[in-house]
Each structure stands twice: as C-alpha cells, then as structure tokens.
C-alpha cells in the first residue's frame, strides 16, 4: 500500500464531516475548540511522515547491510522491526477508523 494514499485518506477522514456538510469533524476533539480537528489531522499526518522516515531509514540500512558497508547489523534489524511495527499500528488505526465510520453510517440508515 502506498504511503501517500494512506496520508490522503487519513487527512480526508479527519476533515470530512460524517453528516456530509462542509464542517470539520469533531470526533475525539473538544467541541469548544474548533482547531482541535485540524490538530488531529496534523498529528495523523505527522505520524505518517514518521512512518515514511522509518521505512526510508530501514531501506537505507538494509542496502548498507547487503553491500557490506554496515558494521553493526543490529541497527538494520532494529530499524526494520520499528518500521514494521509502526506500519502495523498505522494499518490498525486506519482499520478502526474505517470500522467506526461504517458503523456510524449504518446507524444513520
């Protein structure tokens, strides 16, 4: 799955209202603070950017390990594991968000 598609899906999910109007979604935010939703969207975007950086670092260290330029193979292993666990977390959050959205849509019908 492409990271940019995850980023755009998370950003659109955070800024799209469930009722179909153009207002900002307030799921998990303070209703008295209208900037909370944009803060949530920026937090999600930052998490996905962090995931991209972890995957890039993991790929760079893997290339160094294969070419013999890496002295400590543990660095590559740890970076790969961090990238994998972070990707699983992002996928789980995405899946829970989609499940919650679908459940709310079923309640409206």
PDB file of N, CA and C in Angstrom:
ATOM      1  N   UNK A   1       0.844  -1.172   0.000  1.00  0.00           N
ATOM      2  CA  UNK A   1       0.000   0.000   0.000  1.00  0.00           C
ATOM      3  C   UNK A   1       0.890   1.235   0.000  1.00  0.00           C
ATOM      4  N   UNK A   2       0.505   2.231  -0.774  1.00  0.00           N
ATOM      5  CA  UNK A   2       1.276   3.444  -0.934  1.00  0.00           C
ATOM      6  C   UNK A   2       1.076   4.355   0.269  1.00  0.00           C
ATOM      7  N   UNK A   3       2.159   4.897   0.803  1.00  0.00           N
ATOM      8  CA  UNK A   3       2.099   5.773   1.968  1.00  0.00           C
ATOM      9  C   UNK A   3       1.311   7.040   1.658  1.00  0.00           C
ATOM     10  N   UNK A   4       1.469   7.589   0.451  1.00  0.00           N
ATOM     11  CA  UNK A   4       0.752   8.819   0.123  1.00  0.00           C
ATOM     12  C   UNK A   4      -0.756   8.593   0.099  1.00  0.00           C
ATOM     13  N   UNK A   5      -1.210   7.405  -0.286  1.00  0.00           N
ATOM     14  CA  UNK A   5      -2.649   7.133  -0.262  1.00  0.00           C
ATOM     15  C   UNK A   5      -3.156   7.027   1.172  1.00  0.00           C
ATOM     16  N   UNK A   6      -2.328   6.491   2.080  1.00  0.00           N
ATOM     17  CA  UNK A   6      -2.714   6.433   3.491  1.00  0.00           C
ATOM     18  C   UNK A   6      -2.795   7.843   4.052  1.00  0.00           C
ATOM     19  N   UNK A   7      -1.814   8.694   3.710  1.00  0.00           N
ATOM     20  CA  UNK A   7      -1.806  10.067   4.198  1.00  0.00           C
ATOM     21  C   UNK A   7      -3.043  10.813   3.741  1.00  0.00           C
ATOM     22  N   UNK A   8      -3.372  10.715   2.455  1.00  0.00           N
ATOM     23  CA  UNK A   8      -4.535  11.442   1.948  1.00  0.00           C
ATOM     24  C   UNK A   8      -5.826  10.895   2.545  1.00  0.00           C
ATOM     25  N   UNK A   9      -5.899   9.582   2.758  1.00  0.00           N
ATOM     26  CA  UNK A   9      -7.107   9.008   3.343  1.00  0.00           C
ATOM     27  C   UNK A   9      -7.275   9.452   4.787  1.00  0.00           C
ATOM     28  N   UNK A  10      -6.190   9.472   5.558  1.00  0.00           N
ATOM     29  CA  UNK A  10      -6.281   9.902   6.946  1.00  0.00           C
ATOM     30  C   UNK A  10      -6.631  11.385   7.043  1.00  0.00           C
ATOM     31  N   UNK A  11      -6.020  12.210   6.188  1.00  0.00           N
ATOM     32  CA  UNK A  11      -6.322  13.635   6.221  1.00  0.00           C
ATOM     33  C   UNK A  11      -7.753  13.910   5.809  1.00  0.00           C
ATOM     34  N   UNK A  12      -8.249  13.228   4.783  1.00  0.00           N
ATOM     35  CA  UNK A  12      -9.629  13.462   4.361  1.00  0.00           C
ATOM     36  C   UNK A  12     -10.614  12.936   5.401  1.00  0.00           C
ATOM     37  N   UNK A  13     -10.271  11.829   6.054  1.00  0.00           N
ATOM     38  CA  UNK A  13     -11.156  11.292   7.089  1.00  0.00           C
ATOM     39  C   UNK A  13     -11.219  12.220   8.289  1.00  0.00           C
ATOM     40  N   UNK A  14     -10.110  12.883   8.588  1.00  0.00           N
ATOM     41  CA  UNK A  14     -10.089  13.771   9.746  1.00  0.00           C
ATOM     42  C   UNK A  14     -10.799  15.089   9.469  1.00  0.00           C
ATOM     43  N   UNK A  15     -10.905  15.488   8.209  1.00  0.00           N
ATOM     44  CA  UNK A  15     -11.508  16.779   7.910  1.00  0.00           C
ATOM     45  C   UNK A  15     -12.884  16.675   7.288  1.00  0.00           C
ATOM     46  N   UNK A  16     -13.376  15.479   7.014  1.00  0.00           N
ATOM     47  CA  UNK A  16     -14.689  15.304   6.411  1.00  0.00           C
ATOM     48  C   UNK A  16     -15.718  15.056   7.502  1.00  0.00           C
ATOM     49  N   UNK A  17     -16.797  15.736   7.410  1.00  0.00           N
ATOM     50  CA  UNK A  17     -17.863  15.549   8.387  1.00  0.00           C
ATOM     51  C   UNK A  17     -18.674  14.311   8.040  1.00  0.00           C
ATOM     52  N   UNK A  18     -19.138  13.623   9.028  1.00  0.00           N
ATOM     53  CA  UNK A  18     -19.909  12.411   8.812  1.00  0.00           C
ATOM     54  C   UNK A  18     -21.285  12.747   8.243  1.00  0.00           C
ATOM     55  N   UNK A  19     -21.808  13.915   8.589  1.00  0.00           N
ATOM     56  CA  UNK A  19     -23.143  14.271   8.117  1.00  0.00           C
ATOM     57  C   UNK A  19     -23.160  14.759   6.683  1.00  0.00           C
ATOM     58  N   UNK A  20     -21.989  14.929   6.073  1.00  0.00           N
ATOM     59  CA  UNK A  20     -21.940  15.337   4.683  1.00  0.00           C
ATOM     60  C   UNK A  20     -21.848  16.838   4.488  1.00  0.00           C
ATOM     61  N   UNK A  21     -21.860  17.616   5.554  1.00  0.00           N
ATOM     62  CA  UNK A  21     -21.719  19.059   5.427  1.00  0.00           C
ATOM     63  C   UNK A  21     -20.254  19.415   5.350  1.00  0.00           C
ATOM     64  N   UNK A  22     -19.982  20.690   5.158  1.00  0.00           N
ATOM     65  CA  UNK A  22     -18.594  21.109   4.992  1.00  0.00           C
ATOM     66  C   UNK A  22     -17.931  21.467   6.305  1.00  0.00           C
ATOM     67  N   UNK A  23     -18.558  21.185   7.434  1.00  0.00           N
ATOM     68  CA  UNK A  23     -17.943  21.498   8.714  1.00  0.00           C
ATOM     69  C   UNK A  23     -16.856  20.479   9.032  1.00  0.00           C
ATOM     70  N   UNK A  24     -16.026  20.819   9.989  1.00  0.00           N
ATOM     71  CA  UNK A  24     -14.916  19.958  10.360  1.00  0.00           C
ATOM     72  C   UNK A  24     -15.388  18.903  11.342  1.00  0.00           C
ATOM     73  N   UNK A  25     -14.901  17.689  11.195  1.00  0.00           N
ATOM     74  CA  UNK A  25     -15.274  16.598  12.076  1.00  0.00           C
ATOM     75  C   UNK A  25     -14.745  16.861  13.476  1.00  0.00           C
ATOM     76  N   UNK A  26     -15.550  16.524  14.489  1.00  0.00           N
ATOM     77  CA  UNK A  26     -15.126  16.755  15.866  1.00  0.00           C
ATOM     78  C   UNK A  26     -14.986  15.458  16.628  1.00  0.00           C
ATOM     79  N   UNK A  27     -14.761  14.361  15.942  1.00  0.00           N
ATOM     80  CA  UNK A  27     -14.604  13.072  16.596  1.00  0.00           C
ATOM     81  C   UNK A  27     -13.322  13.083  17.407  1.00  0.00           C
ATOM     82  N   UNK A  28     -13.444  12.826  18.699  1.00  0.00           N
ATOM     83  CA  UNK A  28     -12.276  12.770  19.561  1.00  0.00           C
ATOM     84  C   UNK A  28     -11.674  14.122  19.850  1.00  0.00           C
ATOM     85  N   UNK A  29     -12.455  15.204  19.651  1.00  0.00           N
ATOM     86  CA  UNK A  29     -11.916  16.536  19.890  1.00  0.00           C
ATOM     87  C   UNK A  29     -12.780  17.269  20.884  1.00  0.00           C
ATOM     88  N   UNK A  30     -12.290  18.399  21.324  1.00  0.00           N
ATOM     89  CA  UNK A  30     -13.026  19.267  22.231  1.00  0.00           C
ATOM     90  C   UNK A  30     -14.019  20.084  21.415  1.00  0.00           C
ATOM     91  N   UNK A  31     -15.333  19.953  21.656  1.00  0.00           N
ATOM     92  CA  UNK A  31     -16.303  20.680  20.836  1.00  0.00           C
ATOM     93  C   UNK A  31     -16.218  22.185  20.999  1.00  0.00           C
ATOM     94  N   UNK A  32     -15.628  22.660  22.076  1.00  0.00           N
ATOM     95  CA  UNK A  32     -15.496  24.105  22.272  1.00  0.00           C
ATOM     96  C   UNK A  32     -14.269  24.668  21.580  1.00  0.00           C
ATOM     97  N   UNK A  33     -13.409  23.809  21.042  1.00  0.00           N
ATOM     98  CA  UNK A  33     -12.188  24.244  20.371  1.00  0.00           C
ATOM     99  C   UNK A  33     -12.230  23.799  18.915  1.00  0.00           C
ATOM    100  N   UNK A  34     -12.554  24.716  17.973  1.00  0.00           N
ATOM    101  CA  UNK A  34     -12.686  24.304  16.569  1.00  0.00           C
ATOM    102  C   UNK A  34     -11.370  23.937  15.903  1.00  0.00           C
ATOM    103  N   UNK A  35     -10.235  24.282  16.479  1.00  0.00           N
ATOM    104  CA  UNK A  35      -8.955  23.943  15.857  1.00  0.00           C
ATOM    105  C   UNK A  35      -8.470  22.558  16.245  1.00  0.00           C
ATOM    106  N   UNK A  36      -9.181  21.877  17.135  1.00  0.00           N
ATOM    107  CA  UNK A  36      -8.765  20.544  17.571  1.00  0.00           C
ATOM    108  C   UNK A  36      -8.761  19.541  16.429  1.00  0.00           C
ATOM    109  N   UNK A  37      -9.733  19.641  15.522  1.00  0.00           N
ATOM    110  CA  UNK A  37      -9.795  18.703  14.402  1.00  0.00           C
ATOM    111  C   UNK A  37      -8.598  18.879  13.483  1.00  0.00           C
ATOM    112  N   UNK A  38      -8.187  20.133  13.238  1.00  0.00           N
ATOM    113  CA  UNK A  38      -7.020  20.338  12.389  1.00  0.00           C
ATOM    114  C   UNK A  38      -5.756  19.880  13.101  1.00  0.00           C
ATOM    115  N   UNK A  39      -5.723  20.014  14.435  1.00  0.00           N
ATOM    116  CA  UNK A  39      -4.585  19.500  15.189  1.00  0.00           C
ATOM    117  C   UNK A  39      -4.534  17.971  15.080  1.00  0.00           C
ATOM    118  N   UNK A  40      -5.692  17.334  15.136  1.00  0.00           N
ATOM    119  CA  UNK A  40      -5.760  15.882  14.993  1.00  0.00           C
ATOM    120  C   UNK A  40      -5.263  15.467  13.618  1.00  0.00           C
ATOM    121  N   UNK A  41      -5.696  16.190  12.592  1.00  0.00           N
ATOM    122  CA  UNK A  41      -5.263  15.878  11.229  1.00  0.00           C
ATOM    123  C   UNK A  41      -3.757  16.063  11.087  1.00  0.00           C
ATOM    124  N   UNK A  42      -3.210  17.104  11.704  1.00  0.00           N
ATOM    125  CA  UNK A  42      -1.758  17.314  11.614  1.00  0.00           C
ATOM    126  C   UNK A  42      -1.003  16.241  12.394  1.00  0.00           C
ATOM    127  N   UNK A  43      -1.573  15.773  13.495  1.00  0.00           N
ATOM    128  CA  UNK A  43      -0.951  14.683  14.245  1.00  0.00           C
ATOM    129  C   UNK A  43      -0.910  13.405  13.401  1.00  0.00           C
ATOM    130  N   UNK A  44      -2.013  13.114  12.713  1.00  0.00           N
ATOM    131  CA  UNK A  44      -2.042  11.924  11.853  1.00  0.00           C
ATOM    132  C   UNK A  44      -1.052  12.066  10.702  1.00  0.00           C
ATOM    133  N   UNK A  45      -1.010  13.245  10.110  1.00  0.00           N
ATOM    134  CA  UNK A  45      -0.063  13.481   9.028  1.00  0.00           C
ATOM    135  C   UNK A  45       1.377  13.337   9.502  1.00  0.00           C
ATOM    136  N   UNK A  46       1.658  13.836  10.704  1.00  0.00           N
ATOM    137  CA  UNK A  46       2.999  13.700  11.271  1.00  0.00           C
ATOM    138  C   UNK A  46       3.359  12.250  11.541  1.00  0.00           C
ATOM    139  N   UNK A  47       2.377  11.469  11.980  1.00  0.00           N
ATOM    140  CA  UNK A  47       2.631  10.048  12.228  1.00  0.00           C
ATOM    141  C   UNK A  47       2.958   9.314  10.932  1.00  0.00           C
ATOM    142  N   UNK A  48       2.255   9.650   9.870  1.00  0.00           N
ATOM    143  CA  UNK A  48       2.520   9.004   8.586  1.00  0.00           C
ATOM    144  C   UNK A  48       3.876   9.457   8.038  1.00  0.00           C
ATOM    145  N   UNK A  49       4.213  10.727   8.220  1.00  0.00           N
ATOM    146  CA  UNK A  49       5.537  11.202   7.803  1.00  0.00           C
ATOM    147  C   UNK A  49       6.637  10.475   8.571  1.00  0.00           C
ATOM    148  N   UNK A  50       6.405  10.248   9.864  1.00  0.00           N
ATOM    149  CA  UNK A  50       7.363   9.499  10.685  1.00  0.00           C
ATOM    150  C   UNK A  50       7.503   8.070  10.170  1.00  0.00           C
ATOM    151  N   UNK A  51       6.388   7.469   9.773  1.00  0.00           N
ATOM    152  CA  UNK A  51       6.427   6.117   9.207  1.00  0.00           C
ATOM    153  C   UNK A  51       7.260   6.093   7.934  1.00  0.00           C
ATOM    154  N   UNK A  52       7.080   7.088   7.078  1.00  0.00           N
ATOM    155  CA  UNK A  52       7.864   7.153   5.847  1.00  0.00           C
ATOM    156  C   UNK A  52       9.355   7.261   6.155  1.00  0.00           C
ATOM    157  N   UNK A  53       9.691   8.074   7.155  1.00  0.00           N
ATOM    158  CA  UNK A  53      11.096   8.234   7.530  1.00  0.00           C
ATOM    159  C   UNK A  53      11.662   6.928   8.078  1.00  0.00           C
ATOM    160  N   UNK A  54      10.897   6.223   8.903  1.00  0.00           N
ATOM    161  CA  UNK A  54      11.352   4.943   9.444  1.00  0.00           C
ATOM    162  C   UNK A  54      11.575   3.923   8.331  1.00  0.00           C
ATOM    163  N   UNK A  55      10.674   3.880   7.359  1.00  0.00           N
ATOM    164  CA  UNK A  55      10.829   2.941   6.256  1.00  0.00           C
ATOM    165  C   UNK A  55      12.026   3.297   5.383  1.00  0.00           C
ATOM    166  N   UNK A  56      12.252   4.581   5.184  1.00  0.00           N
ATOM    167  CA  UNK A  56      13.401   5.013   4.393  1.00  0.00           C
ATOM    168  C   UNK A  56      14.708   4.645   5.093  1.00  0.00           C
ATOM    169  N   UNK A  57      14.765   4.891   6.393  1.00  0.00           N
ATOM    170  CA  UNK A  57      15.957   4.536   7.165  1.00  0.00           C
ATOM    171  C   UNK A  57      16.193   3.034   7.133  1.00  0.00           C
ATOM    172  N   UNK A  58      15.111   2.275   7.276  1.00  0.00           N
ATOM    173  CA  UNK A  58      15.217   0.819   7.229  1.00  0.00           C
ATOM    174  C   UNK A  58      15.750   0.349   5.881  1.00  0.00           C
ATOM    175  N   UNK A  59      15.238   0.930   4.810  1.00  0.00           N
ATOM    176  CA  UNK A  59      15.705   0.557   3.470  1.00  0.00           C
ATOM    177  C   UNK A  59      17.171   0.915   3.268  1.00  0.00           C
ATOM    178  N   UNK A  60      17.579   2.105   3.723  1.00  0.00           N
ATOM    179  CA  UNK A  60      18.976   2.522   3.586  1.00  0.00           C
ATOM    180  C   UNK A  60      19.916   1.592   4.349  1.00  0.00           C
ATOM    181  N   UNK A  61      19.533   1.233   5.577  1.00  0.00           N
ATOM    182  CA  UNK A  61      20.369   0.338   6.375  1.00  0.00           C
ATOM    183  C   UNK A  61      20.399  -1.071   5.787  1.00  0.00           C
ATOM    184  N   UNK A  62      19.282  -1.496   5.199  1.00  0.00           N
ATOM    185  CA  UNK A  62      19.265  -2.818   4.562  1.00  0.00           C
ATOM    186  C   UNK A  62      20.207  -2.850   3.365  1.00  0.00           C
ATOM    187  N   UNK A  63      20.230  -1.780   2.580  1.00  0.00           N
ATOM    188  CA  UNK A  63      21.146  -1.705   1.440  1.00  0.00           C
ATOM    189  C   UNK A  63      22.588  -1.701   1.927  1.00  0.00           C
ATOM    190  N   UNK A  64      22.862  -0.952   2.988  1.00  0.00           N
ATOM    191  CA  UNK A  64      24.217  -0.932   3.544  1.00  0.00           C
ATOM    192  C   UNK A  64      24.614  -2.314   4.056  1.00  0.00           C
ATOM    193  N   UNK A  65      23.675  -3.032   4.661  1.00  0.00           N
ATOM    194  CA  UNK A  65      23.987  -4.368   5.169  1.00  0.00           C
ATOM    195  C   UNK A  65      24.286  -5.335   4.030  1.00  0.00           C
ATOM    196  N   UNK A  66      23.531  -5.228   2.944  1.00  0.00           N
ATOM    197  CA  UNK A  66      23.734  -6.135   1.813  1.00  0.00           C
ATOM    198  C   UNK A  66      25.053  -5.845   1.105  1.00  0.00           C
ATOM    199  N   UNK A  67      25.405  -4.564   1.003  1.00  0.00           N
ATOM    200  CA  UNK A  67      26.641  -4.202   0.310  1.00  0.00           C
ATOM    201  C   UNK A  67      27.875  -4.356   1.191  1.00  0.00           C
ATOM    202  N   UNK A  68      27.675  -4.623   2.477  1.00  0.00           N
ATOM    203  CA  UNK A  68      28.807  -4.814   3.375  1.00  0.00           C
ATOM    204  C   UNK A  68      29.332  -3.530   3.991  1.00  0.00           C
ATOM    205  N   UNK A  69      28.609  -2.426   3.850  1.00  0.00           N
ATOM    206  CA  UNK A  69      29.041  -1.142   4.395  1.00  0.00           C
ATOM    207  C   UNK A  69      28.541  -0.883   5.806  1.00  0.00           C
ATOM    208  N   UNK A  70      27.813  -1.814   6.378  1.00  0.00           N
ATOM    209  CA  UNK A  70      27.245  -1.638   7.712  1.00  0.00           C
ATOM    210  C   UNK A  70      28.041  -2.481   8.702  1.00  0.00           C
ATOM    211  N   UNK A  71      28.565  -1.832   9.733  1.00  0.00           N
ATOM    212  CA  UNK A  71      29.368  -2.537  10.730  1.00  0.00           C
ATOM    213  C   UNK A  71      28.504  -3.308  11.726  1.00  0.00           C
ATOM    214  N   UNK A  72      27.376  -2.736  12.100  1.00  0.00           N
ATOM    215  CA  UNK A  72      26.515  -3.335  13.121  1.00  0.00           C
ATOM    216  C   UNK A  72      25.177  -3.726  12.497  1.00  0.00           C
ATOM    217  N   UNK A  73      24.970  -5.010  12.276  1.00  0.00           N
ATOM    218  CA  UNK A  73      23.746  -5.495  11.643  1.00  0.00           C
ATOM    219  C   UNK A  73      22.531  -5.280  12.536  1.00  0.00           C
ATOM    220  N   UNK A  74      22.754  -5.094  13.841  1.00  0.00           N
ATOM    221  CA  UNK A  74      21.652  -4.864  14.769  1.00  0.00           C
ATOM    222  C   UNK A  74      20.896  -3.583  14.424  1.00  0.00           C
ATOM    223  N   UNK A  75      21.613  -2.582  13.924  1.00  0.00           N
ATOM    224  CA  UNK A  75      20.951  -1.326  13.542  1.00  0.00           C
ATOM    225  C   UNK A  75      19.919  -1.568  12.446  1.00  0.00           C
ATOM    226  N   UNK A  76      20.279  -2.364  11.461  1.00  0.00           N
ATOM    227  CA  UNK A  76      19.363  -2.662  10.363  1.00  0.00           C
ATOM    228  C   UNK A  76      18.175  -3.481  10.858  1.00  0.00           C
ATOM    229  N   UNK A  77      18.419  -4.427  11.731  1.00  0.00           N
ATOM    230  CA  UNK A  77      17.351  -5.264  12.266  1.00  0.00           C
ATOM    231  C   UNK A  77      16.373  -4.449  13.099  1.00  0.00           C
ATOM    232  N   UNK A  78      16.908  -3.589  13.949  1.00  0.00           N
ATOM    233  CA  UNK A  78      16.055  -2.747  14.791  1.00  0.00           C
ATOM    234  C   UNK A  78      15.251  -1.773  13.934  1.00  0.00           C
ATOM    235  N   UNK A  79      15.880  -1.163  12.937  1.00  0.00           N
ATOM    236  CA  UNK A  79      15.175  -0.220  12.066  1.00  0.00           C
ATOM    237  C   UNK A  79      14.065  -0.916  11.295  1.00  0.00           C
ATOM    238  N   UNK A  80      14.328  -2.121  10.807  1.00  0.00           N
ATOM    239  CA  UNK A  80      13.307  -2.871  10.066  1.00  0.00           C
ATOM    240  C   UNK A  80      12.139  -3.243  10.975  1.00  0.00           C
ATOM    241  N   UNK A  81      12.433  -3.633  12.198  1.00  0.00           N
ATOM    242  CA  UNK A  81      11.385  -4.003  13.140  1.00  0.00           C
ATOM    243  C   UNK A  81      10.544  -2.792  13.526  1.00  0.00           C
ATOM    244  N   UNK A  82      11.199  -1.660  13.774  1.00  0.00           N
ATOM    245  CA  UNK A  82      10.466  -0.426  14.103  1.00  0.00           C
ATOM    246  C   UNK A  82       9.545  -0.025  12.961  1.00  0.00           C
ATOM    247  N   UNK A  83      10.032  -0.104  11.738  1.00  0.00           N
ATOM    248  CA  UNK A  83       9.214   0.259  10.578  1.00  0.00           C
ATOM    249  C   UNK A  83       8.029  -0.697  10.447  1.00  0.00           C
ATOM    250  N   UNK A  84       8.257  -1.980  10.673  1.00  0.00           N
ATOM    251  CA  UNK A  84       7.181  -2.966  10.563  1.00  0.00           C
ATOM    252  C   UNK A  84       6.112  -2.749  11.628  1.00  0.00           C
ATOM    253  N   UNK A  85       6.529  -2.542  12.871  1.00  0.00           N
ATOM    254  CA  UNK A  85       5.570  -2.353  13.958  1.00  0.00           C
ATOM    255  C   UNK A  85       4.786  -1.056  13.753  1.00  0.00           C
ATOM    256  N   UNK A  86       5.458  -0.009  13.302  1.00  0.00           N
ATOM    257  CA  UNK A  86       4.775   1.250  13.050  1.00  0.00           C
ATOM    258  C   UNK A  86       3.769   1.111  11.918  1.00  0.00           C
ATOM    259  N   UNK A  87       4.130   0.387  10.880  1.00  0.00           N
ATOM    260  CA  UNK A  87       3.194   0.162   9.772  1.00  0.00           C
ATOM    261  C   UNK A  87       1.980  -0.626  10.235  1.00  0.00           C
ATOM    262  N   UNK A  88       2.187  -1.623  11.078  1.00  0.00           N
ATOM    263  CA  UNK A  88       1.062  -2.389  11.620  1.00  0.00           C
ATOM    264  C   UNK A  88       0.159  -1.499  12.472  1.00  0.00           C
ATOM    265  N   UNK A  89       0.757  -0.574  13.239  1.00  0.00           N
ATOM    266  CA  UNK A  89      -0.032   0.339  14.058  1.00  0.00           C
ATOM    267  C   UNK A  89      -0.855   1.274  13.178  1.00  0.00           C
ATOM    268  N   UNK A  90      -0.247   1.828  12.140  1.00  0.00           N
ATOM    269  CA  UNK A  90      -0.974   2.722  11.230  1.00  0.00           C
ATOM    270  C   UNK A  90      -2.117   1.972  10.552  1.00  0.00           C
ATOM    271  N   UNK A  91      -1.869   0.754  10.134  1.00  0.00           N
ATOM    272  CA  UNK A  91      -2.920  -0.048   9.498  1.00  0.00           C
ATOM    273  C   UNK A  91      -4.051  -0.345  10.480  1.00  0.00           C
ATOM    274  N   UNK A  92      -3.712  -0.638  11.727  1.00  0.00           N
ATOM    275  CA  UNK A  92      -4.736  -0.917  12.732  1.00  0.00           C
ATOM    276  C   UNK A  92      -5.582   0.319  13.021  1.00  0.00           C
ATOM    277  N   UNK A  93      -4.945   1.483  13.124  1.00  0.00           N
ATOM    278  CA  UNK A  93      -5.681   2.728  13.352  1.00  0.00           C
ATOM    279  C   UNK A  93      -6.590   3.020  12.162  1.00  0.00           C
ATOM    280  N   UNK A  94      -6.068   2.834  10.952  1.00  0.00           N
ATOM    281  CA  UNK A  94      -6.880   3.045   9.752  1.00  0.00           C
ATOM    282  C   UNK A  94      -8.082   2.112   9.745  1.00  0.00           C
ATOM    283  N   UNK A  95      -7.856   0.836  10.053  1.00  0.00           N
ATOM    284  CA  UNK A  95      -8.949  -0.134  10.052  1.00  0.00           C
ATOM    285  C   UNK A  95     -10.011   0.204  11.096  1.00  0.00           C
ATOM    286  N   UNK A  96      -9.577   0.636  12.276  1.00  0.00           N
ATOM    287  CA  UNK A  96     -10.539   1.017  13.315  1.00  0.00           C
ATOM    288  C   UNK A  96     -11.311   2.260  12.900  1.00  0.00           C
ATOM    289  N   UNK A  97     -10.649   3.202  12.254  1.00  0.00           N
ATOM    290  CA  UNK A  97     -11.336   4.395  11.768  1.00  0.00           C
ATOM    291  C   UNK A  97     -12.374   4.056  10.713  1.00  0.00           C
ATOM    292  N   UNK A  98     -12.029   3.186   9.794  1.00  0.00           N
ATOM    293  CA  UNK A  98     -12.972   2.767   8.759  1.00  0.00           C
ATOM    294  C   UNK A  98     -14.136   2.002   9.387  1.00  0.00           C
ATOM    295  N   UNK A  99     -13.857   1.127  10.349  1.00  0.00           N
ATOM    296  CA  UNK A  99     -14.919   0.390  11.027  1.00  0.00           C
ATOM    297  C   UNK A  99     -15.869   1.338  11.761  1.00  0.00           C
ATOM    298  N   UNK A 100     -15.310   2.336  12.446  1.00  0.00           N
ATOM    299  CA  UNK A 100     -16.138   3.303  13.167  1.00  0.00           C
ATOM    300  C   UNK A 100     -16.994   4.106  12.192  1.00  0.00           C
ATOM    301  N   UNK A 101     -16.418   4.534  11.090  1.00  0.00           N
ATOM    302  CA  UNK A 101     -17.162   5.281  10.077  1.00  0.00           C
ATOM    303  C   UNK A 101     -18.307   4.436   9.522  1.00  0.00           C
ATOM    304  N   UNK A 102     -18.021   3.182   9.189  1.00  0.00           N
ATOM    305  CA  UNK A 102     -19.067   2.296   8.664  1.00  0.00           C
ATOM    306  C   UNK A 102     -20.174   2.065   9.685  1.00  0.00           C
ATOM    307  N   UNK A 103     -19.821   1.927  10.947  1.00  0.00           N
ATOM    308  CA  UNK A 103     -20.817   1.735  11.990  1.00  0.00           C
ATOM    309  C   UNK A 103     -21.707   2.972  12.128  1.00  0.00           C
ATOM    310  N   UNK A 104     -21.124   4.144  12.071  1.00  0.00           N
ATOM    311  CA  UNK A 104     -21.908   5.371  12.151  1.00  0.00           C
ATOM    312  C   UNK A 104     -22.824   5.505  10.942  1.00  0.00           C
ATOM    313  N   UNK A 105     -22.331   5.135   9.771  1.00  0.00           N
ATOM    314  CA  UNK A 105     -23.160   5.195   8.571  1.00  0.00           C
ATOM    315  C   UNK A 105     -24.335   4.213   8.663  1.00  0.00           C
ATOM    316  N   UNK A 106     -24.123   3.067   9.283  1.00  0.00           N
ATOM    317  CA  UNK A 106     -25.211   2.109   9.481  1.00  0.00           C
ATOM    318  C   UNK A 106     -26.257   2.646  10.454  1.00  0.00           C
ATOM    319  N   UNK A 107     -25.819   3.392  11.459  1.00  0.00           N
ATOM    320  CA  UNK A 107     -26.768   3.971  12.422  1.00  0.00           C
ATOM    321  C   UNK A 107     -27.633   5.050  11.775  1.00  0.00           C
ATOM    322  N   UNK A 108     -27.106   5.752  10.780  1.00  0.00           N
ATOM    323  CA  UNK A 108     -27.857   6.816  10.124  1.00  0.00           C
ATOM    324  C   UNK A 108     -28.922   6.257   9.193  1.00  0.00           C
ATOM    325  N   UNK A 109     -28.736   5.061   8.694  1.00  0.00           N
ATOM    326  CA  UNK A 109     -29.673   4.491   7.717  1.00  0.00           C
ATOM    327  C   UNK A 109     -30.959   4.018   8.333  1.00  0.00           C
TER     328      UNK A 109
END
